[in-house]
Amino acid sequence: MIVSVGQANSDQAAEARSMSWKESHRSCCSSDFIELHAAEHQRIYLQTKQKQGGRIYLLIEKALVGAVSVNDNLIEDPLCLS
């Protein structure tokens, strides 16, 4: 199921983006830098994307699988949780 991110599930989106971002950057960034990208940082990032006209979507099966933002016809910020 694909769901739009709003106030009710913004915490879930921020946590998912944080986990995915940290994992994807672990091999090339310092641990201090990685930890800066906690859920609160990601929540602000996603809110900024939405204020700029982006729409955020989550893919949920039995659990959250991934997320993506869409701005006009541009797909941005894909993430996949395994």
PDB file of N, CA and C in Angstrom:
ATOM      1  N   MET A   1       0.842  -1.157   0.000  1.00  0.00           N
ATOM      2  CA  MET A   1       0.000   0.000   0.000  1.00  0.00           C
ATOM      3  C   MET A   1       0.901   1.238   0.000  1.00  0.00           C
ATOM      4  N   ILE A   2       0.580   2.226  -0.816  1.00  0.00           N
ATOM      5  CA  ILE A   2       1.304   3.491  -0.852  1.00  0.00           C
ATOM      6  C   ILE A   2       0.453   4.527  -0.134  1.00  0.00           C
ATOM      7  N   VAL A   3       1.059   5.219   0.839  1.00  0.00           N
ATOM      8  CA  VAL A   3       0.334   6.227   1.604  1.00  0.00           C
ATOM      9  C   VAL A   3       1.092   7.548   1.577  1.00  0.00           C
ATOM     10  N   SER A   4       0.344   8.610   1.559  1.00  0.00           N
ATOM     11  CA  SER A   4       0.916   9.949   1.595  1.00  0.00           C
ATOM     12  C   SER A   4       1.341  10.280   3.024  1.00  0.00           C
ATOM     13  N   VAL A   5       2.435  11.010   3.159  1.00  0.00           N
ATOM     14  CA  VAL A   5       2.912  11.396   4.487  1.00  0.00           C
ATOM     15  C   VAL A   5       2.268  12.720   4.887  1.00  0.00           C
ATOM     16  N   GLY A   6       1.676  12.696   6.072  1.00  0.00           N
ATOM     17  CA  GLY A   6       1.076  13.881   6.668  1.00  0.00           C
ATOM     18  C   GLY A   6       1.454  13.915   8.137  1.00  0.00           C
ATOM     19  N   GLN A   7       0.750  14.715   8.911  1.00  0.00           N
ATOM     20  CA  GLN A   7       1.058  14.834  10.342  1.00  0.00           C
ATOM     21  C   GLN A   7       0.981  13.503  11.069  1.00  0.00           C
ATOM     22  N   ALA A   8       0.017  12.687  10.729  1.00  0.00           N
ATOM     23  CA  ALA A   8      -0.220  11.441  11.459  1.00  0.00           C
ATOM     24  C   ALA A   8       0.928  10.439  11.321  1.00  0.00           C
ATOM     25  N   ASN A   9       1.632  10.453  10.204  1.00  0.00           N
ATOM     26  CA  ASN A   9       2.703   9.467  10.008  1.00  0.00           C
ATOM     27  C   ASN A   9       4.058  10.104   9.713  1.00  0.00           C
ATOM     28  N   SER A  10       4.213  11.383  10.037  1.00  0.00           N
ATOM     29  CA  SER A  10       5.489  12.058   9.775  1.00  0.00           C
ATOM     30  C   SER A  10       6.624  11.500  10.634  1.00  0.00           C
ATOM     31  N   ASP A  11       6.310  11.062  11.859  1.00  0.00           N
ATOM     32  CA  ASP A  11       7.347  10.452  12.701  1.00  0.00           C
ATOM     33  C   ASP A  11       7.864   9.164  12.069  1.00  0.00           C
ATOM     34  N   GLN A  12       6.972   8.361  11.529  1.00  0.00           N
ATOM     35  CA  GLN A  12       7.361   7.111  10.868  1.00  0.00           C
ATOM     36  C   GLN A  12       8.238   7.406   9.650  1.00  0.00           C
ATOM     37  N   ALA A  13       7.869   8.404   8.874  1.00  0.00           N
ATOM     38  CA  ALA A  13       8.655   8.770   7.692  1.00  0.00           C
ATOM     39  C   ALA A  13      10.044   9.271   8.092  1.00  0.00           C
ATOM     40  N   ALA A  14      10.109  10.094   9.127  1.00  0.00           N
ATOM     41  CA  ALA A  14      11.388  10.637   9.584  1.00  0.00           C
ATOM     42  C   ALA A  14      12.298   9.533  10.118  1.00  0.00           C
ATOM     43  N   GLU A  15      11.744   8.613  10.879  1.00  0.00           N
ATOM     44  CA  GLU A  15      12.536   7.501  11.422  1.00  0.00           C
ATOM     45  C   GLU A  15      13.040   6.606  10.293  1.00  0.00           C
ATOM     46  N   ALA A  16      12.197   6.331   9.325  1.00  0.00           N
ATOM     47  CA  ALA A  16      12.598   5.491   8.196  1.00  0.00           C
ATOM     48  C   ALA A  16      13.704   6.159   7.395  1.00  0.00           C
ATOM     49  N   ARG A  17      13.550   7.454   7.128  1.00  0.00           N
ATOM     50  CA  ARG A  17      14.578   8.166   6.371  1.00  0.00           C
ATOM     51  C   ARG A  17      15.891   8.200   7.152  1.00  0.00           C
ATOM     52  N   SER A  18      15.817   8.391   8.447  1.00  0.00           N
ATOM     53  CA  SER A  18      17.022   8.398   9.275  1.00  0.00           C
ATOM     54  C   SER A  18      17.749   7.058   9.205  1.00  0.00           C
ATOM     55  N   MET A  19      17.020   5.982   9.402  1.00  0.00           N
ATOM     56  CA  MET A  19      17.637   4.646   9.370  1.00  0.00           C
ATOM     57  C   MET A  19      18.258   4.364   8.006  1.00  0.00           C
ATOM     58  N   SER A  20      17.540   4.666   6.952  1.00  0.00           N
ATOM     59  CA  SER A  20      18.024   4.403   5.604  1.00  0.00           C
ATOM     60  C   SER A  20      19.231   5.274   5.267  1.00  0.00           C
ATOM     61  N   TRP A  21      19.149   6.557   5.600  1.00  0.00           N
ATOM     62  CA  TRP A  21      20.247   7.476   5.307  1.00  0.00           C
ATOM     63  C   TRP A  21      21.519   7.050   6.035  1.00  0.00           C
ATOM     64  N   LYS A  22      21.370   6.735   7.311  1.00  0.00           N
ATOM     65  CA  LYS A  22      22.539   6.321   8.087  1.00  0.00           C
ATOM     66  C   LYS A  22      23.188   5.074   7.488  1.00  0.00           C
ATOM     67  N   GLU A  23      22.385   4.096   7.132  1.00  0.00           N
ATOM     68  CA  GLU A  23      22.919   2.859   6.576  1.00  0.00           C
ATOM     69  C   GLU A  23      23.603   3.102   5.232  1.00  0.00           C
ATOM     70  N   SER A  24      23.015   3.920   4.397  1.00  0.00           N
ATOM     71  CA  SER A  24      23.583   4.144   3.065  1.00  0.00           C
ATOM     72  C   SER A  24      24.845   5.005   3.084  1.00  0.00           C
ATOM     73  N   HIS A  25      25.070   5.752   4.158  1.00  0.00           N
ATOM     74  CA  HIS A  25      26.242   6.628   4.234  1.00  0.00           C
ATOM     75  C   HIS A  25      27.307   6.134   5.225  1.00  0.00           C
ATOM     76  N   ARG A  26      27.040   5.025   5.876  1.00  0.00           N
ATOM     77  CA  ARG A  26      27.944   4.521   6.914  1.00  0.00           C
ATOM     78  C   ARG A  26      29.359   4.269   6.406  1.00  0.00           C
ATOM     79  N   SER A  27      29.494   3.809   5.181  1.00  0.00           N
ATOM     80  CA  SER A  27      30.823   3.454   4.657  1.00  0.00           C
ATOM     81  C   SER A  27      31.630   4.659   4.203  1.00  0.00           C
ATOM     82  N   CYS A  28      30.995   5.823   4.062  1.00  0.00           N
ATOM     83  CA  CYS A  28      31.739   6.966   3.520  1.00  0.00           C
ATOM     84  C   CYS A  28      31.713   8.206   4.414  1.00  0.00           C
ATOM     85  N   CYS A  29      31.065   8.138   5.556  1.00  0.00           N
ATOM     86  CA  CYS A  29      30.964   9.295   6.448  1.00  0.00           C
ATOM     87  C   CYS A  29      31.382   8.903   7.863  1.00  0.00           C
ATOM     88  N   SER A  30      31.852   9.886   8.600  1.00  0.00           N
ATOM     89  CA  SER A  30      32.257   9.626   9.984  1.00  0.00           C
ATOM     90  C   SER A  30      31.036   9.304  10.832  1.00  0.00           C
ATOM     91  N   SER A  31      31.247   8.593  11.911  1.00  0.00           N
ATOM     92  CA  SER A  31      30.128   8.227  12.783  1.00  0.00           C
ATOM     93  C   SER A  31      29.481   9.471  13.396  1.00  0.00           C
ATOM     94  N   ASP A  32      30.277  10.511  13.688  1.00  0.00           N
ATOM     95  CA  ASP A  32      29.706  11.752  14.220  1.00  0.00           C
ATOM     96  C   ASP A  32      28.752  12.397  13.210  1.00  0.00           C
ATOM     97  N   PHE A  33      29.150  12.410  11.939  1.00  0.00           N
ATOM     98  CA  PHE A  33      28.303  12.977  10.897  1.00  0.00           C
ATOM     99  C   PHE A  33      27.043  12.144  10.703  1.00  0.00           C
ATOM    100  N   ILE A  34      27.206  10.837  10.746  1.00  0.00           N
ATOM    101  CA  ILE A  34      26.062   9.930  10.606  1.00  0.00           C
ATOM    102  C   ILE A  34      25.022  10.223  11.688  1.00  0.00           C
ATOM    103  N   GLU A  35      25.470  10.391  12.912  1.00  0.00           N
ATOM    104  CA  GLU A  35      24.550  10.595  14.031  1.00  0.00           C
ATOM    105  C   GLU A  35      23.819  11.930  13.968  1.00  0.00           C
ATOM    106  N   LEU A  36      24.328  12.895  13.203  1.00  0.00           N
ATOM    107  CA  LEU A  36      23.628  14.165  13.024  1.00  0.00           C
ATOM    108  C   LEU A  36      22.315  13.979  12.265  1.00  0.00           C
ATOM    109  N   HIS A  37      22.204  12.883  11.541  1.00  0.00           N
ATOM    110  CA  HIS A  37      21.044  12.650  10.688  1.00  0.00           C
ATOM    111  C   HIS A  37      19.994  11.778  11.387  1.00  0.00           C
ATOM    112  N   ALA A  38      19.760  12.085  12.637  1.00  0.00           N
ATOM    113  CA  ALA A  38      18.748  11.389  13.433  1.00  0.00           C
ATOM    114  C   ALA A  38      17.356  11.754  12.912  1.00  0.00           C
ATOM    115  N   ALA A  39      16.350  11.115  13.466  1.00  0.00           N
ATOM    116  CA  ALA A  39      14.968  11.294  13.003  1.00  0.00           C
ATOM    117  C   ALA A  39      14.532  12.764  13.032  1.00  0.00           C
ATOM    118  N   GLU A  40      14.896  13.510  14.060  1.00  0.00           N
ATOM    119  CA  GLU A  40      14.476  14.915  14.132  1.00  0.00           C
ATOM    120  C   GLU A  40      15.059  15.721  12.966  1.00  0.00           C
ATOM    121  N   HIS A  41      16.306  15.478  12.629  1.00  0.00           N
ATOM    122  CA  HIS A  41      16.934  16.134  11.474  1.00  0.00           C
ATOM    123  C   HIS A  41      16.176  15.776  10.195  1.00  0.00           C
ATOM    124  N   GLN A  42      15.837  14.521  10.046  1.00  0.00           N
ATOM    125  CA  GLN A  42      15.136  14.061   8.860  1.00  0.00           C
ATOM    126  C   GLN A  42      13.704  14.595   8.806  1.00  0.00           C
ATOM    127  N   ARG A  43      13.072  14.753   9.957  1.00  0.00           N
ATOM    128  CA  ARG A  43      11.720  15.318  10.009  1.00  0.00           C
ATOM    129  C   ARG A  43      11.741  16.744   9.446  1.00  0.00           C
ATOM    130  N   ILE A  44      12.719  17.528   9.868  1.00  0.00           N
ATOM    131  CA  ILE A  44      12.852  18.903   9.375  1.00  0.00           C
ATOM    132  C   ILE A  44      13.111  18.898   7.865  1.00  0.00           C
ATOM    133  N   TYR A  45      13.967  17.993   7.413  1.00  0.00           N
ATOM    134  CA  TYR A  45      14.249  17.868   5.980  1.00  0.00           C
ATOM    135  C   TYR A  45      12.962  17.564   5.204  1.00  0.00           C
ATOM    136  N   LEU A  46      12.199  16.600   5.655  1.00  0.00           N
ATOM    137  CA  LEU A  46      10.970  16.222   4.960  1.00  0.00           C
ATOM    138  C   LEU A  46       9.929  17.346   5.004  1.00  0.00           C
ATOM    139  N   GLN A  47       9.826  18.047   6.126  1.00  0.00           N
ATOM    140  CA  GLN A  47       8.898  19.174   6.223  1.00  0.00           C
ATOM    141  C   GLN A  47       9.282  20.277   5.244  1.00  0.00           C
ATOM    142  N   THR A  48      10.568  20.513   5.101  1.00  0.00           N
ATOM    143  CA  THR A  48      11.052  21.510   4.140  1.00  0.00           C
ATOM    144  C   THR A  48      10.692  21.104   2.722  1.00  0.00           C
ATOM    145  N   LYS A  49      10.889  19.817   2.403  1.00  0.00           N
ATOM    146  CA  LYS A  49      10.510  19.320   1.073  1.00  0.00           C
ATOM    147  C   LYS A  49       9.028  19.566   0.817  1.00  0.00           C
ATOM    148  N   GLN A  50       8.191  19.298   1.814  1.00  0.00           N
ATOM    149  CA  GLN A  50       6.753  19.486   1.654  1.00  0.00           C
ATOM    150  C   GLN A  50       6.397  20.964   1.487  1.00  0.00           C
ATOM    151  N   LYS A  51       7.056  21.845   2.225  1.00  0.00           N
ATOM    152  CA  LYS A  51       6.801  23.282   2.101  1.00  0.00           C
ATOM    153  C   LYS A  51       7.190  23.792   0.720  1.00  0.00           C
ATOM    154  N   GLN A  52       8.139  23.119   0.086  1.00  0.00           N
ATOM    155  CA  GLN A  52       8.583  23.499  -1.252  1.00  0.00           C
ATOM    156  C   GLN A  52       7.722  22.851  -2.341  1.00  0.00           C
ATOM    157  N   GLY A  53       6.661  22.199  -1.938  1.00  0.00           N
ATOM    158  CA  GLY A  53       5.733  21.612  -2.894  1.00  0.00           C
ATOM    159  C   GLY A  53       5.905  20.124  -3.119  1.00  0.00           C
ATOM    160  N   GLY A  54       6.867  19.516  -2.453  1.00  0.00           N
ATOM    161  CA  GLY A  54       7.082  18.076  -2.603  1.00  0.00           C
ATOM    162  C   GLY A  54       6.024  17.270  -1.871  1.00  0.00           C
ATOM    163  N   ARG A  55       5.777  16.095  -2.365  1.00  0.00           N
ATOM    164  CA  ARG A  55       4.862  15.159  -1.712  1.00  0.00           C
ATOM    165  C   ARG A  55       5.680  13.935  -1.313  1.00  0.00           C
ATOM    166  N   ILE A  56       5.473  13.453  -0.112  1.00  0.00           N
ATOM    167  CA  ILE A  56       6.225  12.315   0.416  1.00  0.00           C
ATOM    168  C   ILE A  56       5.271  11.128   0.511  1.00  0.00           C
ATOM    169  N   TYR A  57       5.750   9.970   0.068  1.00  0.00           N
ATOM    170  CA  TYR A  57       4.945   8.754   0.109  1.00  0.00           C
ATOM    171  C   TYR A  57       5.720   7.635   0.786  1.00  0.00           C
ATOM    172  N   LEU A  58       5.000   6.785   1.504  1.00  0.00           N
ATOM    173  CA  LEU A  58       5.572   5.593   2.113  1.00  0.00           C
ATOM    174  C   LEU A  58       4.992   4.368   1.424  1.00  0.00           C
ATOM    175  N   LEU A  59       5.821   3.352   1.249  1.00  0.00           N
ATOM    176  CA  LEU A  59       5.364   2.052   0.763  1.00  0.00           C
ATOM    177  C   LEU A  59       5.329   1.129   1.969  1.00  0.00           C
ATOM    178  N   ILE A  60       4.142   0.625   2.272  1.00  0.00           N
ATOM    179  CA  ILE A  60       3.961  -0.228   3.441  1.00  0.00           C
ATOM    180  C   ILE A  60       3.353  -1.548   2.991  1.00  0.00           C
ATOM    181  N   GLU A  61       4.016  -2.621   3.369  1.00  0.00           N
ATOM    182  CA  GLU A  61       3.433  -3.955   3.160  1.00  0.00           C
ATOM    183  C   GLU A  61       3.038  -4.435   4.547  1.00  0.00           C
ATOM    184  N   LYS A  62       3.679  -5.458   5.082  1.00  0.00           N
ATOM    185  CA  LYS A  62       3.415  -5.828   6.479  1.00  0.00           C
ATOM    186  C   LYS A  62       4.089  -4.832   7.406  1.00  0.00           C
ATOM    187  N   ALA A  63       5.151  -4.226   6.927  1.00  0.00           N
ATOM    188  CA  ALA A  63       5.876  -3.176   7.639  1.00  0.00           C
ATOM    189  C   ALA A  63       6.302  -2.155   6.599  1.00  0.00           C
ATOM    190  N   LEU A  64       6.865  -1.062   7.049  1.00  0.00           N
ATOM    191  CA  LEU A  64       7.349  -0.044   6.135  1.00  0.00           C
ATOM    192  C   LEU A  64       8.456  -0.619   5.261  1.00  0.00           C
ATOM    193  N   VAL A  65       8.349  -0.421   3.953  1.00  0.00           N
ATOM    194  CA  VAL A  65       9.319  -0.955   3.005  1.00  0.00           C
ATOM    195  C   VAL A  65      10.188   0.145   2.424  1.00  0.00           C
ATOM    196  N   GLY A  66       9.615   1.300   2.145  1.00  0.00           N
ATOM    197  CA  GLY A  66      10.381   2.369   1.532  1.00  0.00           C
ATOM    198  C   GLY A  66       9.605   3.667   1.501  1.00  0.00           C
ATOM    199  N   ALA A  67      10.257   4.692   0.957  1.00  0.00           N
ATOM    200  CA  ALA A  67       9.636   6.007   0.845  1.00  0.00           C
ATOM    201  C   ALA A  67      10.260   6.743  -0.328  1.00  0.00           C
ATOM    202  N   VAL A  68       9.557   7.777  -0.773  1.00  0.00           N
ATOM    203  CA  VAL A  68      10.033   8.588  -1.877  1.00  0.00           C
ATOM    204  C   VAL A  68       9.368   9.952  -1.781  1.00  0.00           C
ATOM    205  N   SER A  69      10.046  10.992  -2.283  1.00  0.00           N
ATOM    206  CA  SER A  69       9.392  12.294  -2.402  1.00  0.00           C
ATOM    207  C   SER A  69       9.233  12.603  -3.884  1.00  0.00           C
ATOM    208  N   VAL A  70       8.173  13.333  -4.197  1.00  0.00           N
ATOM    209  CA  VAL A  70       7.870  13.706  -5.572  1.00  0.00           C
ATOM    210  C   VAL A  70       7.672  15.217  -5.604  1.00  0.00           C
ATOM    211  N   ASN A  71       8.365  15.880  -6.522  1.00  0.00           N
ATOM    212  CA  ASN A  71       8.229  17.317  -6.695  1.00  0.00           C
ATOM    213  C   ASN A  71       8.022  17.572  -8.176  1.00  0.00           C
ATOM    214  N   ASP A  72       6.827  18.020  -8.531  1.00  0.00           N
ATOM    215  CA  ASP A  72       6.403  18.115  -9.932  1.00  0.00           C
ATOM    216  C   ASP A  72       6.534  16.730 -10.546  1.00  0.00           C
ATOM    217  N   ASN A  73       7.370  16.576 -11.556  1.00  0.00           N
ATOM    218  CA  ASN A  73       7.553  15.268 -12.201  1.00  0.00           C
ATOM    219  C   ASN A  73       8.863  14.607 -11.795  1.00  0.00           C
ATOM    220  N   LEU A  74       9.504  15.114 -10.750  1.00  0.00           N
ATOM    221  CA  LEU A  74      10.804  14.615 -10.321  1.00  0.00           C
ATOM    222  C   LEU A  74      10.663  13.739  -9.081  1.00  0.00           C
ATOM    223  N   ILE A  75      11.150  12.506  -9.177  1.00  0.00           N
ATOM    224  CA  ILE A  75      11.179  11.602  -8.026  1.00  0.00           C
ATOM    225  C   ILE A  75      12.509  11.806  -7.316  1.00  0.00           C
ATOM    226  N   GLU A  76      12.444  12.074  -6.015  1.00  0.00           N
ATOM    227  CA  GLU A  76      13.653  12.360  -5.234  1.00  0.00           C
ATOM    228  C   GLU A  76      13.653  11.542  -3.957  1.00  0.00           C
ATOM    229  N   ASP A  77      14.791  11.483  -3.336  1.00  0.00           N
ATOM    230  CA  ASP A  77      14.951  10.901  -2.009  1.00  0.00           C
ATOM    231  C   ASP A  77      14.408   9.492  -1.852  1.00  0.00           C
ATOM    232  N   PRO A  78      14.688   8.598  -2.802  1.00  0.00           N
ATOM    233  CA  PRO A  78      14.186   7.226  -2.614  1.00  0.00           C
ATOM    234  C   PRO A  78      14.892   6.561  -1.438  1.00  0.00           C
ATOM    235  N   LEU A  79      14.170   5.750  -0.721  1.00  0.00           N
ATOM    236  CA  LEU A  79      14.795   4.948   0.320  1.00  0.00           C
ATOM    237  C   LEU A  79      14.128   3.607   0.369  1.00  0.00           C
ATOM    238  N   CYS A  80      14.918   2.635   0.726  1.00  0.00           N
ATOM    239  CA  CYS A  80      14.417   1.278   0.821  1.00  0.00           C
ATOM    240  C   CYS A  80      14.928   0.682   2.114  1.00  0.00           C
ATOM    241  N   LEU A  81      14.042   0.093   2.876  1.00  0.00           N
ATOM    242  CA  LEU A  81      14.419  -0.570   4.118  1.00  0.00           C
ATOM    243  C   LEU A  81      14.373  -2.069   3.901  1.00  0.00           C
ATOM    244  N   SER A  82      15.435  -2.724   4.266  1.00  0.00           N
ATOM    245  CA  SER A  82      15.447  -4.182   4.087  1.00  0.00           C
ATOM    246  C   SER A  82      15.427  -4.892   5.405  1.00  0.00           C
TER     247      SER A  82
END
